[in-house]
mmCIF file of all heavy atoms, coordinates in Angstrom:
data_MODEL
# 
_entry.id   MODEL 
# 
loop_
_atom_site.group_PDB 
_atom_site.id 
_atom_site.type_symbol 
_atom_site.label_atom_id 
_atom_site.label_alt_id 
_atom_site.label_comp_id 
_atom_site.label_asym_id 
_atom_site.label_entity_id 
_atom_site.label_seq_id 
_atom_site.pdbx_PDB_ins_code 
_atom_site.Cartn_x 
_atom_site.Cartn_y 
_atom_site.Cartn_z 
_atom_site.occupancy 
_atom_site.B_iso_or_equiv 
_atom_site.pdbx_formal_charge 
_atom_site.auth_seq_id 
_atom_site.auth_comp_id 
_atom_site.auth_asym_id 
_atom_site.auth_atom_id 
_atom_site.pdbx_PDB_model_num 
ATOM 1   N N   . LYS A 1 1  ? 7.931  -5.687 24.549 1.00 0.00 ? 1  LYS A N   1 
ATOM 2   C CA  . LYS A 1 1  ? 7.410  -4.853 25.642 1.00 0.00 ? 1  LYS A CA  1 
ATOM 3   C C   . LYS A 1 1  ? 8.515  -3.885 26.083 1.00 0.00 ? 1  LYS A C   1 
ATOM 4   O O   . LYS A 1 1  ? 9.651  -4.309 26.231 1.00 0.00 ? 1  LYS A O   1 
ATOM 5   C CB  . LYS A 1 1  ? 6.928  -5.725 26.816 1.00 0.00 ? 1  LYS A CB  1 
ATOM 6   C CG  . LYS A 1 1  ? 6.122  -4.995 27.804 1.00 0.00 ? 1  LYS A CG  1 
ATOM 7   C CD  . LYS A 1 1  ? 5.657  -5.908 28.909 1.00 0.00 ? 1  LYS A CD  1 
ATOM 8   C CE  . LYS A 1 1  ? 4.993  -5.112 30.009 1.00 0.00 ? 1  LYS A CE  1 
ATOM 9   N NZ  . LYS A 1 1  ? 5.077  -5.835 31.290 1.00 0.00 ? 1  LYS A NZ  1 
ATOM 10  N N   . ASN A 1 2  ? 8.174  -2.627 26.290 1.00 0.00 ? 2  ASN A N   1 
ATOM 11  C CA  . ASN A 1 2  ? 9.123  -1.551 26.621 1.00 0.00 ? 2  ASN A CA  1 
ATOM 12  C C   . ASN A 1 2  ? 10.182 -1.412 25.500 1.00 0.00 ? 2  ASN A C   1 
ATOM 13  O O   . ASN A 1 2  ? 11.344 -1.040 25.752 1.00 0.00 ? 2  ASN A O   1 
ATOM 14  C CB  . ASN A 1 2  ? 9.855  -1.810 27.955 1.00 0.00 ? 2  ASN A CB  1 
ATOM 15  C CG  . ASN A 1 2  ? 8.877  -1.725 29.120 1.00 0.00 ? 2  ASN A CG  1 
ATOM 16  O OD1 . ASN A 1 2  ? 8.018  -0.857 29.114 1.00 0.00 ? 2  ASN A OD1 1 
ATOM 17  N ND2 . ASN A 1 2  ? 8.985  -2.631 30.084 1.00 0.00 ? 2  ASN A ND2 1 
ATOM 18  N N   . GLY A 1 3  ? 9.771  -1.648 24.244 1.00 0.00 ? 3  GLY A N   1 
ATOM 19  C CA  . GLY A 1 3  ? 10.681 -1.570 23.120 1.00 0.00 ? 3  GLY A CA  1 
ATOM 20  C C   . GLY A 1 3  ? 10.653 -0.278 22.435 1.00 0.00 ? 3  GLY A C   1 
ATOM 21  O O   . GLY A 1 3  ? 11.230 -0.127 21.328 1.00 0.00 ? 3  GLY A O   1 
ATOM 22  N N   . GLY A 1 4  ? 10.018 0.749  23.021 1.00 0.00 ? 4  GLY A N   1 
ATOM 23  C CA  . GLY A 1 4  ? 9.887  2.093  22.363 1.00 0.00 ? 4  GLY A CA  1 
ATOM 24  C C   . GLY A 1 4  ? 11.191 2.752  22.022 1.00 0.00 ? 4  GLY A C   1 
ATOM 25  O O   . GLY A 1 4  ? 11.231 3.622  21.145 1.00 0.00 ? 4  GLY A O   1 
ATOM 26  N N   . LYS A 1 5  ? 12.283 2.315  22.649 1.00 0.00 ? 5  LYS A N   1 
ATOM 27  C CA  . LYS A 1 5  ? 13.610 2.902  22.371 1.00 0.00 ? 5  LYS A CA  1 
ATOM 28  C C   . LYS A 1 5  ? 14.244 2.352  21.108 1.00 0.00 ? 5  LYS A C   1 
ATOM 29  O O   . LYS A 1 5  ? 15.278 2.824  20.658 1.00 0.00 ? 5  LYS A O   1 
ATOM 30  C CB  . LYS A 1 5  ? 14.571 2.625  23.587 1.00 0.00 ? 5  LYS A CB  1 
ATOM 31  C CG  . LYS A 1 5  ? 14.017 2.988  24.938 1.00 0.00 ? 5  LYS A CG  1 
ATOM 32  C CD  . LYS A 1 5  ? 14.956 2.539  26.086 1.00 0.00 ? 5  LYS A CD  1 
ATOM 33  C CE  . LYS A 1 5  ? 14.869 1.058  26.355 1.00 0.00 ? 5  LYS A CE  1 
ATOM 34  N NZ  . LYS A 1 5  ? 13.620 0.568  26.929 1.00 0.00 ? 5  LYS A NZ  1 
ATOM 35  N N   . HIS A 1 6  ? 13.641 1.283  20.578 1.00 0.00 ? 6  HIS A N   1 
ATOM 36  C CA  . HIS A 1 6  ? 14.294 0.551  19.479 1.00 0.00 ? 6  HIS A CA  1 
ATOM 37  C C   . HIS A 1 6  ? 13.424 0.502  18.236 1.00 0.00 ? 6  HIS A C   1 
ATOM 38  O O   . HIS A 1 6  ? 13.587 -0.405 17.386 1.00 0.00 ? 6  HIS A O   1 
ATOM 39  C CB  . HIS A 1 6  ? 14.586 -0.876 19.930 1.00 0.00 ? 6  HIS A CB  1 
ATOM 40  C CG  . HIS A 1 6  ? 15.156 -1.005 21.312 1.00 0.00 ? 6  HIS A CG  1 
ATOM 41  N ND1 . HIS A 1 6  ? 16.343 -0.432 21.728 1.00 0.00 ? 6  HIS A ND1 1 
ATOM 42  C CD2 . HIS A 1 6  ? 14.680 -1.699 22.423 1.00 0.00 ? 6  HIS A CD2 1 
ATOM 43  C CE1 . HIS A 1 6  ? 16.559 -0.718 22.993 1.00 0.00 ? 6  HIS A CE1 1 
ATOM 44  N NE2 . HIS A 1 6  ? 15.562 -1.473 23.443 1.00 0.00 ? 6  HIS A NE2 1 
ATOM 45  N N   . LEU A 1 7  ? 12.493 1.423  18.084 1.00 0.00 ? 7  LEU A N   1 
ATOM 46  C CA  . LEU A 1 7  ? 11.484 1.318  17.014 1.00 0.00 ? 7  LEU A CA  1 
ATOM 47  C C   . LEU A 1 7  ? 12.069 1.235  15.590 1.00 0.00 ? 7  LEU A C   1 
ATOM 48  O O   . LEU A 1 7  ? 11.661 0.457  14.780 1.00 0.00 ? 7  LEU A O   1 
ATOM 49  C CB  . LEU A 1 7  ? 10.509 2.501  17.129 1.00 0.00 ? 7  LEU A CB  1 
ATOM 50  C CG  . LEU A 1 7  ? 9.619  2.489  18.367 1.00 0.00 ? 7  LEU A CG  1 
ATOM 51  C CD1 . LEU A 1 7  ? 8.845  3.796  18.491 1.00 0.00 ? 7  LEU A CD1 1 
ATOM 52  C CD2 . LEU A 1 7  ? 8.636  1.308  18.318 1.00 0.00 ? 7  LEU A CD2 1 
ATOM 53  N N   . ASN A 1 8  ? 13.060 2.124  15.368 1.00 0.00 ? 8  ASN A N   1 
ATOM 54  C CA  . ASN A 1 8  ? 13.627 2.124  14.017 1.00 0.00 ? 8  ASN A CA  1 
ATOM 55  C C   . ASN A 1 8  ? 14.290 0.828  13.667 1.00 0.00 ? 8  ASN A C   1 
ATOM 56  O O   . ASN A 1 8  ? 14.189 0.274  12.573 1.00 0.00 ? 8  ASN A O   1 
ATOM 57  C CB  . ASN A 1 8  ? 14.660 3.251  13.872 1.00 0.00 ? 8  ASN A CB  1 
ATOM 58  C CG  . ASN A 1 8  ? 13.981 4.609  13.795 1.00 0.00 ? 8  ASN A CG  1 
ATOM 59  O OD1 . ASN A 1 8  ? 12.953 4.767  13.130 1.00 0.00 ? 8  ASN A OD1 1 
ATOM 60  N ND2 . ASN A 1 8  ? 14.523 5.616  14.471 1.00 0.00 ? 8  ASN A ND2 1 
ATOM 61  N N   . GLU A 1 9  ? 14.990 0.255  14.645 1.00 0.00 ? 9  GLU A N   1 
ATOM 62  C CA  . GLU A 1 9  ? 15.690 -1.039 14.452 1.00 0.00 ? 9  GLU A CA  1 
ATOM 63  C C   . GLU A 1 9  ? 14.686 -2.159 14.259 1.00 0.00 ? 9  GLU A C   1 
ATOM 64  O O   . GLU A 1 9  ? 14.886 -3.058 13.400 1.00 0.00 ? 9  GLU A O   1 
ATOM 65  C CB  . GLU A 1 9  ? 16.631 -1.347 15.594 1.00 0.00 ? 9  GLU A CB  1 
ATOM 66  C CG  . GLU A 1 9  ? 17.830 -0.387 15.671 1.00 0.00 ? 9  GLU A CG  1 
ATOM 67  C CD  . GLU A 1 9  ? 17.574 0.912  16.481 1.00 0.00 ? 9  GLU A CD  1 
ATOM 68  O OE1 . GLU A 1 9  ? 16.386 1.139  16.843 1.00 0.00 ? 9  GLU A OE1 1 
ATOM 69  O OE2 . GLU A 1 9  ? 18.543 1.634  16.651 1.00 0.00 ? 9  GLU A OE2 1 
ATOM 70  N N   . ILE A 1 10 ? 13.574 -2.166 15.050 1.00 0.00 ? 10 ILE A N   1 
ATOM 71  C CA  . ILE A 1 10 ? 12.577 -3.216 14.890 1.00 0.00 ? 10 ILE A CA  1 
ATOM 72  C C   . ILE A 1 10 ? 11.954 -3.126 13.496 1.00 0.00 ? 10 ILE A C   1 
ATOM 73  O O   . ILE A 1 10 ? 11.803 -4.143 12.821 1.00 0.00 ? 10 ILE A O   1 
ATOM 74  C CB  . ILE A 1 10 ? 11.491 -3.134 16.006 1.00 0.00 ? 10 ILE A CB  1 
ATOM 75  C CG1 . ILE A 1 10 ? 12.126 -3.285 17.381 1.00 0.00 ? 10 ILE A CG1 1 
ATOM 76  C CG2 . ILE A 1 10 ? 10.437 -4.152 15.786 1.00 0.00 ? 10 ILE A CG2 1 
ATOM 77  C CD1 . ILE A 1 10 ? 11.196 -2.937 18.558 1.00 0.00 ? 10 ILE A CD1 1 
ATOM 78  N N   . ALA A 1 11 ? 11.579 -1.895 13.086 1.00 0.00 ? 11 ALA A N   1 
ATOM 79  C CA  . ALA A 1 11 ? 10.945 -1.701 11.796 1.00 0.00 ? 11 ALA A CA  1 
ATOM 80  C C   . ALA A 1 11 ? 11.846 -2.091 10.660 1.00 0.00 ? 11 ALA A C   1 
ATOM 81  O O   . ALA A 1 11 ? 11.431 -2.471 9.575  1.00 0.00 ? 11 ALA A O   1 
ATOM 82  C CB  . ALA A 1 11 ? 10.476 -0.259 11.642 1.00 0.00 ? 11 ALA A CB  1 
ATOM 83  N N   . GLY A 1 12 ? 13.177 -2.058 10.915 1.00 0.00 ? 12 GLY A N   1 
ATOM 84  C CA  . GLY A 1 12 ? 14.166 -2.347 9.887  1.00 0.00 ? 12 GLY A CA  1 
ATOM 85  C C   . GLY A 1 12 ? 14.412 -3.846 9.643  1.00 0.00 ? 12 GLY A C   1 
ATOM 86  O O   . GLY A 1 12 ? 15.154 -4.245 8.766  1.00 0.00 ? 12 GLY A O   1 
ATOM 87  N N   . THR A 1 13 ? 13.701 -4.700 10.428 1.00 0.00 ? 13 THR A N   1 
ATOM 88  C CA  . THR A 1 13 ? 13.919 -6.154 10.278 1.00 0.00 ? 13 THR A CA  1 
ATOM 89  C C   . THR A 1 13 ? 13.190 -6.725 9.043  1.00 0.00 ? 13 THR A C   1 
ATOM 90  O O   . THR A 1 13 ? 13.501 -7.868 8.663  1.00 0.00 ? 13 THR A O   1 
ATOM 91  C CB  . THR A 1 13 ? 13.368 -6.922 11.499 1.00 0.00 ? 13 THR A CB  1 
ATOM 92  O OG1 . THR A 1 13 ? 11.970 -6.609 11.611 1.00 0.00 ? 13 THR A OG1 1 
ATOM 93  C CG2 . THR A 1 13 ? 14.097 -6.544 12.787 1.00 0.00 ? 13 THR A CG2 1 
ATOM 94  N N   . GLY A 1 14 ? 12.278 -5.975 8.450  1.00 0.00 ? 14 GLY A N   1 
ATOM 95  C CA  . GLY A 1 14 ? 11.480 -6.523 7.386  1.00 0.00 ? 14 GLY A CA  1 
ATOM 96  C C   . GLY A 1 14 ? 10.195 -7.136 7.847  1.00 0.00 ? 14 GLY A C   1 
ATOM 97  O O   . GLY A 1 14 ? 9.452  -7.731 7.083  1.00 0.00 ? 14 GLY A O   1 
ATOM 98  N N   . CYS A 1 15 ? 9.908  -6.925 9.167  1.00 0.00 ? 15 CYS A N   1 
ATOM 99  C CA  . CYS A 1 15 ? 8.553  -7.330 9.676  1.00 0.00 ? 15 CYS A CA  1 
ATOM 100 C C   . CYS A 1 15 ? 7.481  -6.466 9.054  1.00 0.00 ? 15 CYS A C   1 
ATOM 101 O O   . CYS A 1 15 ? 7.803  -5.350 8.490  1.00 0.00 ? 15 CYS A O   1 
ATOM 102 C CB  . CYS A 1 15 ? 8.507  -7.252 11.207 1.00 0.00 ? 15 CYS A CB  1 
ATOM 103 S SG  . CYS A 1 15 ? 8.678  -5.615 11.877 1.00 0.00 ? 15 CYS A SG  1 
ATOM 104 N N   . ASP A 1 16 ? 6.253  -6.859 9.127  1.00 0.00 ? 16 ASP A N   1 
ATOM 105 C CA  . ASP A 1 16 ? 5.143  -6.104 8.564  1.00 0.00 ? 16 ASP A CA  1 
ATOM 106 C C   . ASP A 1 16 ? 4.509  -5.157 9.603  1.00 0.00 ? 16 ASP A C   1 
ATOM 107 O O   . ASP A 1 16 ? 3.942  -4.158 9.248  1.00 0.00 ? 16 ASP A O   1 
ATOM 108 C CB  . ASP A 1 16 ? 4.074  -7.068 8.013  1.00 0.00 ? 16 ASP A CB  1 
ATOM 109 C CG  . ASP A 1 16 ? 4.646  -7.979 6.979  1.00 0.00 ? 16 ASP A CG  1 
ATOM 110 O OD1 . ASP A 1 16 ? 4.683  -7.563 5.811  1.00 0.00 ? 16 ASP A OD1 1 
ATOM 111 O OD2 . ASP A 1 16 ? 5.085  -9.129 7.315  1.00 0.00 ? 16 ASP A OD2 1 
ATOM 112 N N   . GLY A 1 17 ? 4.517  -5.596 10.864 1.00 0.00 ? 17 GLY A N   1 
ATOM 113 C CA  . GLY A 1 17 ? 3.898  -4.825 11.897 1.00 0.00 ? 17 GLY A CA  1 
ATOM 114 C C   . GLY A 1 17 ? 4.813  -4.788 13.127 1.00 0.00 ? 17 GLY A C   1 
ATOM 115 O O   . GLY A 1 17 ? 5.565  -5.639 13.392 1.00 0.00 ? 17 GLY A O   1 
ATOM 116 N N   . VAL A 1 18 ? 4.681  -3.641 13.859 1.00 0.00 ? 18 VAL A N   1 
ATOM 117 C CA  . VAL A 1 18 ? 5.394  -3.468 15.115 1.00 0.00 ? 18 VAL A CA  1 
ATOM 118 C C   . VAL A 1 18 ? 4.376  -3.207 16.210 1.00 0.00 ? 18 VAL A C   1 
ATOM 119 O O   . VAL A 1 18 ? 3.533  -2.254 16.152 1.00 0.00 ? 18 VAL A O   1 
ATOM 120 C CB  . VAL A 1 18 ? 6.396  -2.278 15.071 1.00 0.00 ? 18 VAL A CB  1 
ATOM 121 C CG1 . VAL A 1 18 ? 7.027  -2.030 16.414 1.00 0.00 ? 18 VAL A CG1 1 
ATOM 122 C CG2 . VAL A 1 18 ? 7.465  -2.567 14.010 1.00 0.00 ? 18 VAL A CG2 1 
ATOM 123 N N   . GLY A 1 19 ? 4.351  -4.068 17.243 1.00 0.00 ? 19 GLY A N   1 
ATOM 124 C CA  . GLY A 1 19 ? 3.466  -3.880 18.397 1.00 0.00 ? 19 GLY A CA  1 
ATOM 125 C C   . GLY A 1 19 ? 4.094  -2.910 19.372 1.00 0.00 ? 19 GLY A C   1 
ATOM 126 O O   . GLY A 1 19 ? 5.340  -2.997 19.626 1.00 0.00 ? 19 GLY A O   1 
ATOM 127 N N   . ILE A 1 20 ? 3.315  -2.000 19.911 1.00 0.00 ? 20 ILE A N   1 
ATOM 128 C CA  . ILE A 1 20 ? 3.846  -1.029 20.888 1.00 0.00 ? 20 ILE A CA  1 
ATOM 129 C C   . ILE A 1 20 ? 3.058  -1.124 22.178 1.00 0.00 ? 20 ILE A C   1 
ATOM 130 O O   . ILE A 1 20 ? 1.866  -1.421 22.183 1.00 0.00 ? 20 ILE A O   1 
ATOM 131 C CB  . ILE A 1 20 ? 3.856  0.417  20.331 1.00 0.00 ? 20 ILE A CB  1 
ATOM 132 C CG1 . ILE A 1 20 ? 2.445  0.844  19.889 1.00 0.00 ? 20 ILE A CG1 1 
ATOM 133 C CG2 . ILE A 1 20 ? 4.857  0.532  19.202 1.00 0.00 ? 20 ILE A CG2 1 
ATOM 134 C CD1 . ILE A 1 20 ? 2.347  2.315  19.525 1.00 0.00 ? 20 ILE A CD1 1 
ATOM 135 N N   . ASP A 1 21 ? 3.691  -0.839 23.289 1.00 0.00 ? 21 ASP A N   1 
ATOM 136 C CA  . ASP A 1 21 ? 2.968  -0.771 24.585 1.00 0.00 ? 21 ASP A CA  1 
ATOM 137 C C   . ASP A 1 21 ? 2.478  0.685  24.781 1.00 0.00 ? 21 ASP A C   1 
ATOM 138 O O   . ASP A 1 21 ? 2.615  1.533  23.955 1.00 0.00 ? 21 ASP A O   1 
ATOM 139 C CB  . ASP A 1 21 ? 3.839  -1.313 25.727 1.00 0.00 ? 21 ASP A CB  1 
ATOM 140 C CG  . ASP A 1 21 ? 5.095  -0.495 26.003 1.00 0.00 ? 21 ASP A CG  1 
ATOM 141 O OD1 . ASP A 1 21 ? 5.103  0.712  25.631 1.00 0.00 ? 21 ASP A OD1 1 
ATOM 142 O OD2 . ASP A 1 21 ? 6.037  -1.059 26.539 1.00 0.00 ? 21 ASP A OD2 1 
ATOM 143 N N   . TRP A 1 22 ? 1.922  0.922  25.987 1.00 0.00 ? 22 TRP A N   1 
ATOM 144 C CA  . TRP A 1 22 ? 1.269  2.225  26.302 1.00 0.00 ? 22 TRP A CA  1 
ATOM 145 C C   . TRP A 1 22 ? 2.247  3.281  26.794 1.00 0.00 ? 22 TRP A C   1 
ATOM 146 O O   . TRP A 1 22 ? 1.819  4.383  27.089 1.00 0.00 ? 22 TRP A O   1 
ATOM 147 C CB  . TRP A 1 22 ? 0.133  1.971  27.260 1.00 0.00 ? 22 TRP A CB  1 
ATOM 148 C CG  . TRP A 1 22 ? 0.623  1.565  28.627 1.00 0.00 ? 22 TRP A CG  1 
ATOM 149 C CD1 . TRP A 1 22 ? 0.771  2.394  29.706 1.00 0.00 ? 22 TRP A CD1 1 
ATOM 150 C CD2 . TRP A 1 22 ? 0.986  0.264  29.072 1.00 0.00 ? 22 TRP A CD2 1 
ATOM 151 N NE1 . TRP A 1 22 ? 1.250  1.672  30.766 1.00 0.00 ? 22 TRP A NE1 1 
ATOM 152 C CE2 . TRP A 1 22 ? 1.373  0.352  30.396 1.00 0.00 ? 22 TRP A CE2 1 
ATOM 153 C CE3 . TRP A 1 22 ? 1.040  -1.003 28.397 1.00 0.00 ? 22 TRP A CE3 1 
ATOM 154 C CZ2 . TRP A 1 22 ? 1.810  -0.746 31.112 1.00 0.00 ? 22 TRP A CZ2 1 
ATOM 155 C CZ3 . TRP A 1 22 ? 1.481  -2.062 29.138 1.00 0.00 ? 22 TRP A CZ3 1 
ATOM 156 C CH2 . TRP A 1 22 ? 1.858  -1.959 30.462 1.00 0.00 ? 22 TRP A CH2 1 
ATOM 157 N N   . THR A 1 23 ? 3.526  2.951  26.849 1.00 0.00 ? 23 THR A N   1 
ATOM 158 C CA  . THR A 1 23 ? 4.497  3.964  27.371 1.00 0.00 ? 23 THR A CA  1 
ATOM 159 C C   . THR A 1 23 ? 5.008  4.869  26.258 1.00 0.00 ? 23 THR A C   1 
ATOM 160 O O   . THR A 1 23 ? 5.806  5.710  26.542 1.00 0.00 ? 23 THR A O   1 
ATOM 161 C CB  . THR A 1 23 ? 5.685  3.206  28.022 1.00 0.00 ? 23 THR A CB  1 
ATOM 162 O OG1 . THR A 1 23 ? 6.362  2.415  27.049 1.00 0.00 ? 23 THR A OG1 1 
ATOM 163 C CG2 . THR A 1 23 ? 5.197  2.340  29.199 1.00 0.00 ? 23 THR A CG2 1 
ATOM 164 N N   . VAL A 1 24 ? 4.560  4.644  25.021 1.00 0.00 ? 24 VAL A N   1 
ATOM 165 C CA  . VAL A 1 24 ? 4.893  5.547  23.913 1.00 0.00 ? 24 VAL A CA  1 
ATOM 166 C C   . VAL A 1 24 ? 3.631  6.126  23.327 1.00 0.00 ? 24 VAL A C   1 
ATOM 167 O O   . VAL A 1 24 ? 2.586  5.520  23.465 1.00 0.00 ? 24 VAL A O   1 
ATOM 168 C CB  . VAL A 1 24 ? 5.735  4.794  22.821 1.00 0.00 ? 24 VAL A CB  1 
ATOM 169 C CG1 . VAL A 1 24 ? 7.129  4.545  23.302 1.00 0.00 ? 24 VAL A CG1 1 
ATOM 170 C CG2 . VAL A 1 24 ? 5.075  3.523  22.404 1.00 0.00 ? 24 VAL A CG2 1 
ATOM 171 N N   . GLU A 1 25 ? 3.724  7.254  22.659 1.00 0.00 ? 25 GLU A N   1 
ATOM 172 C CA  . GLU A 1 25 ? 2.604  7.887  22.015 1.00 0.00 ? 25 GLU A CA  1 
ATOM 173 C C   . GLU A 1 25 ? 2.443  7.329  20.611 1.00 0.00 ? 25 GLU A C   1 
ATOM 174 O O   . GLU A 1 25 ? 3.395  7.339  19.821 1.00 0.00 ? 25 GLU A O   1 
ATOM 175 C CB  . GLU A 1 25 ? 2.816  9.392  21.911 1.00 0.00 ? 25 GLU A CB  1 
ATOM 176 C CG  . GLU A 1 25 ? 2.613  10.093 23.243 1.00 0.00 ? 25 GLU A CG  1 
ATOM 177 C CD  . GLU A 1 25 ? 1.163  10.189 23.716 1.00 0.00 ? 25 GLU A CD  1 
ATOM 178 O OE1 . GLU A 1 25 ? 0.300  10.682 22.945 1.00 0.00 ? 25 GLU A OE1 1 
ATOM 179 O OE2 . GLU A 1 25 ? 0.864  9.684  24.816 1.00 0.00 ? 25 GLU A OE2 1 
ATOM 180 N N   . LEU A 1 26 ? 1.251  6.856  20.304 1.00 0.00 ? 26 LEU A N   1 
ATOM 181 C CA  . LEU A 1 26 ? 0.986  6.224  18.964 1.00 0.00 ? 26 LEU A CA  1 
ATOM 182 C C   . LEU A 1 26 ? 1.372  7.214  17.850 1.00 0.00 ? 26 LEU A C   1 
ATOM 183 O O   . LEU A 1 26 ? 1.991  6.838  16.843 1.00 0.00 ? 26 LEU A O   1 
ATOM 184 C CB  . LEU A 1 26 ? -0.470 5.820  18.845 1.00 0.00 ? 26 LEU A CB  1 
ATOM 185 C CG  . LEU A 1 26 ? -0.919 5.253  17.525 1.00 0.00 ? 26 LEU A CG  1 
ATOM 186 C CD1 . LEU A 1 26 ? -0.119 3.996  17.146 1.00 0.00 ? 26 LEU A CD1 1 
ATOM 187 C CD2 . LEU A 1 26 ? -2.393 4.932  17.531 1.00 0.00 ? 26 LEU A CD2 1 
ATOM 188 N N   . GLY A 1 27 ? 1.039  8.515  18.023 1.00 0.00 ? 27 GLY A N   1 
ATOM 189 C CA  . GLY A 1 27 ? 1.331  9.463  16.962 1.00 0.00 ? 27 GLY A CA  1 
ATOM 190 C C   . GLY A 1 27 ? 2.857  9.613  16.715 1.00 0.00 ? 27 GLY A C   1 
ATOM 191 O O   . GLY A 1 27 ? 3.290  9.724  15.604 1.00 0.00 ? 27 GLY A O   1 
# 
């Protein structure tokens, strides 16, 4: 939650999906 500042790092873990909250734009 409130992780929009760390998207590249989260995606780099090898996880399959990244959940986002409403404070970032999906696009």
